[in-house]
């Protein structure tokens, strides 16, 4: 099971690693990439799909607000 608090901390770390003062969109893009990286799982049907559960996204958002 995914530890949502650890995911939120990794997302915030990715966001803060970017120059968010001058380029806030870079921080948002880095955070979104880290969310996908942390929460993705694979569906091995026809082809391979990377899937992120929407419920997990909401949990991460809640945890980010709590940081």
Protein backbone atom coordinates (compact mmCIF):
# COMPACT_ATOMS: atom_id res chain seq x y z
CA UNK A 1 0.00 0.00 0.00
CA UNK A 2 1.20 3.49 -0.82
CA UNK A 3 2.15 5.78 2.05
CA UNK A 4 0.35 8.98 1.01
CA UNK A 5 2.31 11.17 3.43
CA UNK A 6 5.60 10.03 1.87
CA UNK A 7 4.17 10.65 -1.60
CA UNK A 8 3.12 14.17 -0.59
CA UNK A 9 6.58 14.86 0.83
CA UNK A 10 8.22 13.65 -2.41
CA UNK A 11 5.88 15.85 -4.46
CA UNK A 12 6.67 18.90 -2.32
CA UNK A 13 10.39 18.16 -2.59
CA UNK A 14 10.11 18.02 -6.39
CA UNK A 15 8.16 21.29 -6.39
CA UNK A 16 10.64 23.06 -4.13
CA UNK A 17 13.60 21.84 -6.20
CA UNK A 18 12.44 24.04 -9.07
CA UNK A 19 12.82 27.82 -9.34
CA UNK A 20 9.26 28.48 -8.23
CA UNK A 21 9.85 32.18 -7.50
CA UNK A 22 10.58 33.12 -11.11
CA UNK A 23 8.96 30.18 -12.83
CA UNK A 24 6.08 28.80 -10.73
CA UNK A 25 4.81 26.70 -13.63
CA UNK A 26 8.07 24.70 -13.52
CA UNK A 27 7.35 23.73 -9.92
CA UNK A 28 3.81 22.68 -10.78
CA UNK A 29 5.06 20.61 -13.72
CA UNK A 30 7.71 18.95 -11.54
CA UNK A 31 5.12 18.20 -8.85
CA UNK A 32 2.74 16.63 -11.37
CA UNK A 33 5.53 14.45 -12.77
CA UNK A 34 6.42 13.31 -9.26
CA UNK A 35 2.78 12.45 -8.52
CA UNK A 36 2.68 10.27 -11.62
CA UNK A 37 6.03 8.73 -10.72
CA UNK A 38 4.96 7.92 -7.16
CA UNK A 39 1.43 6.65 -7.84
CA UNK A 40 1.57 4.97 -11.23
CA UNK A 41 0.90 1.33 -11.70
CA UNK A 42 0.74 -0.73 -14.87
CA UNK A 43 -2.17 -2.42 -16.57
CA UNK A 44 -0.88 -5.28 -18.67
CA UNK A 45 -3.76 -5.79 -21.08
CA UNK A 46 -3.46 -4.90 -24.74
CA UNK A 47 -0.30 -2.84 -24.60
CA UNK A 48 0.96 -1.47 -21.32
CA UNK A 49 -0.88 1.44 -19.73
CA UNK A 50 0.36 3.53 -16.82
CA UNK A 51 -2.57 4.28 -14.53
CA UNK A 52 -2.98 6.67 -11.59
CA UNK A 53 -5.93 6.22 -9.26
CA UNK A 54 -7.95 9.46 -8.90
CA UNK A 55 -8.73 8.68 -5.25
CA UNK A 56 -5.00 8.62 -4.54
CA UNK A 57 -4.63 12.03 -6.18
CA UNK A 58 -7.21 13.48 -3.81
CA UNK A 59 -5.45 11.90 -0.84
CA UNK A 60 -2.14 13.44 -1.92
CA UNK A 61 -3.82 16.85 -2.34
CA UNK A 62 -5.21 16.59 1.20
CA UNK A 63 -1.82 15.59 2.57
CA UNK A 64 -0.07 18.44 0.73
CA UNK A 65 -2.45 20.89 2.39
CA UNK A 66 -1.55 19.40 5.75
CA UNK A 67 2.23 19.82 5.24
